[in-house]
N, C-alpha and C. Protein backbone atom coordinates (compact mmCIF):
# COMPACT_ATOMS: atom_id res chain seq x y z
N MET A 1 -122.66 -139.88 -2.18
CA MET A 1 -123.08 -138.90 -3.21
C MET A 1 -123.36 -137.60 -2.45
N ALA A 2 -122.93 -136.45 -2.96
CA ALA A 2 -123.11 -135.13 -2.45
C ALA A 2 -124.51 -134.74 -2.48
N GLY A 3 -125.04 -134.19 -1.41
CA GLY A 3 -126.44 -133.68 -1.52
C GLY A 3 -127.48 -134.73 -1.27
N ASP A 4 -127.11 -135.98 -1.00
CA ASP A 4 -128.02 -137.10 -0.81
C ASP A 4 -128.79 -136.87 0.53
N PRO A 5 -130.12 -136.64 0.46
CA PRO A 5 -130.86 -136.40 1.76
C PRO A 5 -130.96 -137.49 2.67
N THR A 6 -130.65 -138.76 2.20
CA THR A 6 -130.76 -139.87 3.09
C THR A 6 -129.51 -140.23 3.74
N ARG A 7 -128.41 -139.49 3.41
CA ARG A 7 -127.00 -139.72 4.18
C ARG A 7 -126.79 -138.41 4.95
N PRO A 8 -126.40 -138.51 6.20
CA PRO A 8 -126.08 -137.34 7.03
C PRO A 8 -124.70 -136.81 6.46
N THR A 9 -124.57 -135.56 6.60
CA THR A 9 -123.30 -134.94 6.28
C THR A 9 -122.40 -135.15 7.51
N VAL A 10 -121.07 -134.90 7.34
CA VAL A 10 -120.18 -134.98 8.47
C VAL A 10 -120.60 -134.00 9.60
N GLY A 11 -120.77 -134.51 10.72
CA GLY A 11 -121.28 -133.72 11.88
C GLY A 11 -122.76 -133.40 11.80
N GLY A 12 -123.51 -133.95 10.77
CA GLY A 12 -124.86 -133.81 10.70
C GLY A 12 -125.64 -134.64 11.82
N ARG A 13 -126.89 -134.36 11.88
CA ARG A 13 -127.73 -134.99 12.86
C ARG A 13 -128.86 -135.63 12.14
N ILE A 14 -129.22 -136.79 12.60
CA ILE A 14 -130.41 -137.41 12.13
C ILE A 14 -131.47 -137.40 13.24
N PRO A 15 -132.71 -136.83 13.00
CA PRO A 15 -133.70 -136.79 14.01
C PRO A 15 -134.28 -138.22 14.38
N VAL A 16 -134.22 -138.55 15.79
CA VAL A 16 -134.66 -139.86 16.18
C VAL A 16 -135.65 -139.66 17.19
N LYS A 17 -136.73 -140.45 17.26
CA LYS A 17 -137.62 -140.47 18.31
C LYS A 17 -137.60 -141.83 19.01
N LEU A 18 -137.37 -141.83 20.33
CA LEU A 18 -137.20 -143.07 21.04
C LEU A 18 -138.52 -143.32 21.82
N HIS A 19 -138.91 -144.46 21.67
CA HIS A 19 -140.23 -144.92 22.56
C HIS A 19 -139.86 -146.10 23.48
N ARG A 20 -140.45 -146.09 24.58
CA ARG A 20 -140.25 -147.17 25.58
C ARG A 20 -141.58 -147.94 25.62
N ARG A 21 -141.34 -149.21 26.04
CA ARG A 21 -142.61 -150.04 26.25
C ARG A 21 -143.38 -150.25 25.05
N VAL A 22 -142.74 -150.61 23.91
CA VAL A 22 -143.40 -150.95 22.68
C VAL A 22 -143.22 -152.39 22.42
N CYS A 23 -144.23 -152.88 21.67
CA CYS A 23 -144.03 -154.40 21.30
C CYS A 23 -143.87 -154.42 19.77
N LEU A 24 -142.76 -155.12 19.39
CA LEU A 24 -142.48 -155.31 17.99
C LEU A 24 -142.52 -156.84 17.66
N VAL A 25 -142.91 -157.15 16.48
CA VAL A 25 -142.86 -158.45 15.94
C VAL A 25 -141.77 -158.40 14.80
N GLN A 26 -140.80 -159.13 14.98
CA GLN A 26 -139.66 -159.25 13.96
C GLN A 26 -139.71 -160.63 13.33
N THR A 27 -139.83 -160.57 12.07
CA THR A 27 -139.97 -161.90 11.30
C THR A 27 -138.63 -162.28 10.65
N GLU A 28 -138.49 -163.45 10.26
CA GLU A 28 -137.30 -163.95 9.52
C GLU A 28 -137.22 -163.30 8.15
N ASP A 29 -138.32 -163.00 7.49
CA ASP A 29 -138.25 -162.37 6.14
C ASP A 29 -139.54 -161.55 5.94
N ALA A 30 -139.52 -160.78 4.86
CA ALA A 30 -140.70 -159.96 4.55
C ALA A 30 -141.99 -160.74 4.12
N ILE A 31 -141.77 -161.87 3.54
CA ILE A 31 -142.88 -162.69 3.24
C ILE A 31 -143.67 -163.10 4.39
N LEU A 32 -143.01 -163.55 5.42
CA LEU A 32 -143.69 -163.95 6.68
C LEU A 32 -144.48 -162.82 7.32
N ALA A 33 -143.84 -161.55 7.18
CA ALA A 33 -144.53 -160.34 7.77
C ALA A 33 -145.80 -160.17 6.95
N GLU A 34 -145.74 -160.28 5.62
CA GLU A 34 -146.99 -160.22 4.82
C GLU A 34 -147.98 -161.22 5.14
N GLU A 35 -147.61 -162.47 5.43
CA GLU A 35 -148.47 -163.58 5.92
C GLU A 35 -149.22 -163.20 7.16
N LEU A 36 -148.48 -162.56 8.12
CA LEU A 36 -149.08 -162.20 9.45
C LEU A 36 -150.04 -161.05 9.20
N LEU A 37 -149.68 -160.20 8.29
CA LEU A 37 -150.71 -159.05 8.13
C LEU A 37 -151.91 -159.48 7.35
N ALA A 38 -151.83 -160.60 6.63
CA ALA A 38 -152.91 -161.15 5.94
C ALA A 38 -153.92 -161.81 6.84
N ARG A 39 -153.55 -162.09 8.00
CA ARG A 39 -154.37 -162.68 9.05
C ARG A 39 -155.23 -161.53 9.74
N LYS A 40 -156.53 -161.58 9.54
CA LYS A 40 -157.35 -160.42 10.03
C LYS A 40 -157.17 -160.09 11.59
N LYS A 41 -157.11 -161.14 12.35
CA LYS A 41 -156.99 -160.92 13.84
C LYS A 41 -155.69 -160.37 14.19
N LEU A 42 -154.63 -160.66 13.47
CA LEU A 42 -153.29 -160.09 13.72
C LEU A 42 -153.23 -158.68 13.15
N ALA A 43 -153.78 -158.49 11.95
CA ALA A 43 -153.67 -157.10 11.27
C ALA A 43 -154.33 -156.10 12.15
N GLN A 44 -155.39 -156.37 12.83
CA GLN A 44 -156.03 -155.34 13.61
C GLN A 44 -155.30 -154.97 14.83
N GLU A 45 -154.28 -155.89 15.18
CA GLU A 45 -153.45 -155.45 16.42
C GLU A 45 -152.18 -154.78 15.99
N VAL A 46 -151.87 -154.63 14.68
CA VAL A 46 -150.72 -154.00 14.15
C VAL A 46 -150.98 -152.53 13.86
N VAL A 47 -150.18 -151.66 14.55
CA VAL A 47 -150.39 -150.19 14.29
C VAL A 47 -149.73 -149.83 12.98
N GLY A 48 -148.47 -150.36 12.71
CA GLY A 48 -147.77 -150.05 11.52
C GLY A 48 -146.56 -150.93 11.23
N ARG A 49 -146.00 -150.69 10.16
CA ARG A 49 -144.89 -151.52 9.72
C ARG A 49 -143.58 -150.63 9.74
N LEU A 50 -142.64 -151.00 10.53
CA LEU A 50 -141.49 -150.16 10.55
C LEU A 50 -140.46 -150.46 9.54
N THR A 51 -140.38 -151.75 9.18
CA THR A 51 -139.42 -152.22 8.07
C THR A 51 -140.23 -153.35 7.43
N ASP A 52 -139.60 -153.91 6.37
CA ASP A 52 -140.30 -155.01 5.65
C ASP A 52 -140.44 -156.23 6.59
N ARG A 53 -139.64 -156.39 7.69
CA ARG A 53 -139.67 -157.40 8.60
C ARG A 53 -140.14 -157.09 9.99
N VAL A 54 -140.46 -155.79 10.26
CA VAL A 54 -140.76 -155.37 11.58
C VAL A 54 -142.16 -154.71 11.70
N LEU A 55 -143.01 -155.30 12.58
CA LEU A 55 -144.34 -154.83 12.78
C LEU A 55 -144.52 -154.18 14.18
N LEU A 56 -145.14 -153.10 14.32
CA LEU A 56 -145.41 -152.37 15.56
C LEU A 56 -146.78 -152.81 16.01
N VAL A 57 -146.84 -153.38 17.29
CA VAL A 57 -148.08 -153.90 17.87
C VAL A 57 -148.80 -152.73 18.65
N ARG A 58 -150.11 -152.73 18.55
CA ARG A 58 -150.86 -151.85 19.27
C ARG A 58 -150.57 -151.90 20.84
N PRO A 59 -150.48 -150.84 21.56
CA PRO A 59 -150.20 -150.86 22.97
C PRO A 59 -151.29 -151.75 23.73
N GLY A 60 -150.73 -152.59 24.56
CA GLY A 60 -151.50 -153.43 25.49
C GLY A 60 -152.04 -154.65 24.83
N ARG A 61 -151.64 -154.95 23.52
CA ARG A 61 -152.22 -156.12 22.87
C ARG A 61 -151.13 -157.24 22.62
N VAL A 62 -150.03 -157.15 23.31
CA VAL A 62 -149.05 -158.15 23.17
C VAL A 62 -149.56 -159.58 23.42
N ASP A 63 -150.29 -159.79 24.45
CA ASP A 63 -150.82 -161.17 24.79
C ASP A 63 -151.72 -161.68 23.68
N ALA A 64 -152.55 -160.76 23.02
CA ALA A 64 -153.40 -161.22 21.96
C ALA A 64 -152.55 -161.65 20.78
N VAL A 65 -151.50 -160.87 20.51
CA VAL A 65 -150.65 -161.24 19.31
C VAL A 65 -149.86 -162.53 19.57
N ILE A 66 -149.41 -162.79 20.74
CA ILE A 66 -148.69 -163.99 21.03
C ILE A 66 -149.70 -165.09 20.93
N GLN A 67 -150.79 -165.02 21.40
CA GLN A 67 -151.91 -166.11 21.32
C GLN A 67 -152.17 -166.43 19.83
N GLU A 68 -152.39 -165.42 19.13
CA GLU A 68 -152.70 -165.58 17.58
C GLU A 68 -151.61 -166.23 16.92
N LEU A 69 -150.32 -165.79 17.22
CA LEU A 69 -149.14 -166.42 16.51
C LEU A 69 -149.11 -167.91 16.87
N GLN A 70 -149.41 -168.26 18.21
CA GLN A 70 -149.37 -169.63 18.56
C GLN A 70 -150.43 -170.45 17.96
N LYS A 71 -151.64 -169.83 17.70
CA LYS A 71 -152.75 -170.56 16.94
C LYS A 71 -152.26 -170.81 15.54
N MET A 72 -151.43 -169.92 14.95
CA MET A 72 -150.94 -170.13 13.69
C MET A 72 -149.88 -171.19 13.48
N GLY A 73 -149.40 -171.66 14.71
CA GLY A 73 -148.39 -172.66 14.76
C GLY A 73 -146.97 -172.14 14.85
N HIS A 74 -146.80 -170.90 15.18
CA HIS A 74 -145.57 -170.21 15.38
C HIS A 74 -145.15 -170.30 16.87
N THR A 75 -143.96 -170.18 17.17
CA THR A 75 -143.39 -170.19 18.51
C THR A 75 -142.62 -168.92 18.75
N PRO A 76 -143.41 -167.87 19.13
CA PRO A 76 -142.80 -166.53 19.27
C PRO A 76 -141.80 -166.59 20.51
N GLN A 77 -140.72 -165.89 20.30
CA GLN A 77 -139.72 -165.71 21.36
C GLN A 77 -139.96 -164.29 21.86
N VAL A 78 -140.23 -164.24 23.14
CA VAL A 78 -140.59 -162.92 23.92
C VAL A 78 -139.34 -162.58 24.56
N VAL A 79 -138.83 -161.30 24.28
CA VAL A 79 -137.59 -160.82 24.82
C VAL A 79 -137.88 -159.47 25.60
N GLY A 80 -137.37 -159.32 26.69
CA GLY A 80 -137.36 -158.07 27.43
C GLY A 80 -138.66 -157.58 27.97
N THR A 81 -139.57 -158.41 28.51
CA THR A 81 -140.69 -158.05 29.09
C THR A 81 -140.96 -158.69 30.50
N LYS A 82 -141.55 -157.90 31.36
CA LYS A 82 -141.80 -158.45 32.66
C LYS A 82 -143.30 -158.46 32.95
N THR A 83 -144.16 -157.99 31.98
CA THR A 83 -145.54 -157.86 32.29
C THR A 83 -146.36 -159.10 31.75
N LEU A 84 -145.74 -160.03 30.96
CA LEU A 84 -146.60 -161.05 30.47
C LEU A 84 -146.83 -162.08 31.48
N LYS A 85 -148.04 -162.71 31.43
CA LYS A 85 -148.40 -163.70 32.50
C LYS A 85 -148.03 -165.08 32.08
């Protein structure tokens, strides 16, 4: 659609901000993400929601998030980190 602000024009640019060393929780579906946010201990560790299935975790709180997910009975898969003990 012409003039659609969500679609770049040919040769247009989309501003992107890249961050390193961030922790994300990606869930299977949006309902599970809502369930995680409903848990007070987990919600306080989440800075924001990037999509309906992706949560951004507060810096330095990855261990706390993993522990809380395990307490809930989940088995989180940790990818791309060397700092976890």
